[in-house]
């Protein structure tokens, strides 16, 4: 009887650990993905599971129409094919570049000191 109880306890502990290490994080990830999909609006830049990057142009009940860059082609994809929303990064061409700071870095000097 004692051995049977120990086996049952070990099995229960195993399933509890499995739940917290595998099932629960996956459920959280699915919830976050669903929220991200629902929050998309036309103009958002997204990446598909196939690696395509495009801008949401039209939203249907079960699909999106993406405008592909740079040629402007359009592609209709299902909602589940969106893997991530791409946050805009700064345009490095318009950022100011300080050549003096670059020279100081090369010489080992720090501008703040």
Protein backbone atom coordinates (compact mmCIF):
# COMPACT_ATOMS: atom_id res chain seq x y z
CA UNK A 1 0.00 0.00 0.00
CA UNK A 2 2.79 2.40 0.90
CA UNK A 3 4.60 1.78 -2.40
CA UNK A 4 1.42 2.40 -4.40
CA UNK A 5 0.86 5.73 -2.66
CA UNK A 6 4.46 6.78 -3.38
CA UNK A 7 4.08 5.88 -7.06
CA UNK A 8 0.87 7.90 -7.30
CA UNK A 9 2.54 10.89 -5.59
CA UNK A 10 5.50 10.71 -8.00
CA UNK A 11 3.16 10.59 -11.01
CA UNK A 12 1.13 13.55 -9.73
CA UNK A 13 4.31 15.57 -9.05
CA UNK A 14 5.56 14.72 -12.55
CA UNK A 15 2.37 16.03 -14.16
CA UNK A 16 2.42 19.20 -12.03
CA UNK A 17 6.01 19.89 -13.07
CA UNK A 18 5.11 19.15 -16.70
CA UNK A 19 2.23 21.62 -16.49
CA UNK A 20 4.36 24.46 -15.15
CA UNK A 21 7.32 23.84 -17.46
CA UNK A 22 5.57 23.10 -20.75
CA UNK A 23 1.81 23.59 -20.89
CA UNK A 24 1.40 26.89 -19.03
CA UNK A 25 4.14 28.82 -20.90
CA UNK A 26 2.73 27.60 -24.24
CA UNK A 27 -0.75 28.80 -23.26
CA UNK A 28 0.67 32.22 -22.32
CA UNK A 29 2.49 32.43 -25.64
CA UNK A 30 -0.69 31.54 -27.57
CA UNK A 31 -2.65 34.18 -25.64
CA UNK A 32 -0.04 36.86 -26.37
CA UNK A 33 0.00 35.91 -30.05
CA UNK A 34 -3.80 36.10 -30.26
CA UNK A 35 -3.75 39.54 -28.61
CA UNK A 36 -1.07 40.72 -31.04
CA UNK A 37 -3.14 39.51 -34.02
CA UNK A 38 -6.27 41.25 -32.70
CA UNK A 39 -4.38 44.52 -32.15
CA UNK A 40 -3.10 44.77 -35.74
CA UNK A 41 -4.37 47.71 -37.75
CA UNK A 42 -3.76 48.74 -41.36
CA UNK A 43 -0.28 50.21 -41.64
CA UNK A 44 1.38 47.83 -39.16
CA UNK A 45 4.50 46.07 -40.37
CA UNK A 46 4.46 42.29 -39.79
CA UNK A 47 6.51 39.15 -40.44
CA UNK A 48 4.88 35.91 -41.56
CA UNK A 49 5.87 32.40 -40.52
CA UNK A 50 7.31 32.00 -44.02
CA UNK A 51 9.67 34.94 -43.49
CA UNK A 52 7.85 37.48 -45.65
CA UNK A 53 7.70 41.05 -44.36
CA UNK A 54 4.83 43.30 -45.34
CA UNK A 55 2.50 46.06 -44.27
CA UNK A 56 -1.08 45.23 -43.30
CA UNK A 57 -3.33 46.81 -45.90
CA UNK A 58 -6.72 45.16 -45.38
CA UNK A 59 -8.11 43.11 -42.50
CA UNK A 60 -10.73 40.45 -43.09
CA UNK A 61 -12.41 38.18 -40.55
CA UNK A 62 -9.99 35.31 -41.14
CA UNK A 63 -7.22 36.83 -43.28
CA UNK A 64 -5.00 39.84 -43.95
CA UNK A 65 -3.87 41.46 -47.17
CA UNK A 66 -0.21 42.46 -46.93
CA UNK A 67 1.51 44.97 -49.16
CA UNK A 68 5.00 43.71 -49.86
CA UNK A 69 7.96 46.05 -50.12
CA UNK A 70 9.65 47.37 -52.26
CA UNK A 71 7.58 46.44 -55.31
CA UNK A 72 4.15 46.92 -53.70
CA UNK A 73 2.85 43.46 -54.54
CA UNK A 74 -0.04 42.19 -52.45
CA UNK A 75 -0.50 38.85 -50.73
CA UNK A 76 -3.49 37.50 -48.82
CA UNK A 77 -2.60 35.35 -45.83
CA UNK A 78 -4.55 33.71 -43.03
CA UNK A 79 -4.39 35.19 -39.54
CA UNK A 80 -2.35 32.32 -38.11
CA UNK A 81 0.43 32.95 -40.65
CA UNK A 82 1.46 36.18 -38.90
CA UNK A 83 4.36 35.42 -36.57
CA UNK A 84 5.27 38.87 -35.25
CA UNK A 85 4.63 42.58 -35.45
CA UNK A 86 7.76 44.46 -36.39
CA UNK A 87 8.36 47.54 -34.32
CA UNK A 88 9.78 50.43 -36.28
CA UNK A 89 13.51 50.97 -35.91
CA UNK A 90 15.18 54.34 -36.31
CA UNK A 91 16.18 55.34 -39.82
CA UNK A 92 19.96 55.30 -39.57
CA UNK A 93 20.38 57.44 -42.69
CA UNK A 94 18.76 60.42 -40.99
CA UNK A 95 20.62 60.12 -37.67
CA UNK A 96 23.42 62.61 -37.09
CA UNK A 97 26.92 61.21 -37.11
CA UNK A 98 29.63 62.80 -34.99
CA UNK A 99 33.05 62.09 -36.50
CA UNK A 100 34.85 63.61 -33.48
CA UNK A 101 33.19 61.13 -31.14
CA UNK A 102 34.24 58.27 -33.43
CA UNK A 103 37.85 59.49 -33.39
CA UNK A 104 37.82 59.72 -29.59
CA UNK A 105 36.55 56.15 -29.32
CA UNK A 106 39.36 54.94 -31.57
CA UNK A 107 41.96 56.75 -29.41
CA UNK A 108 40.49 55.29 -26.23
CA UNK A 109 39.20 58.60 -24.92
CA UNK A 110 35.75 58.91 -23.43
CA UNK A 111 33.72 62.01 -24.26
CA UNK A 112 32.07 62.11 -20.83
CA UNK A 113 35.33 62.15 -18.83
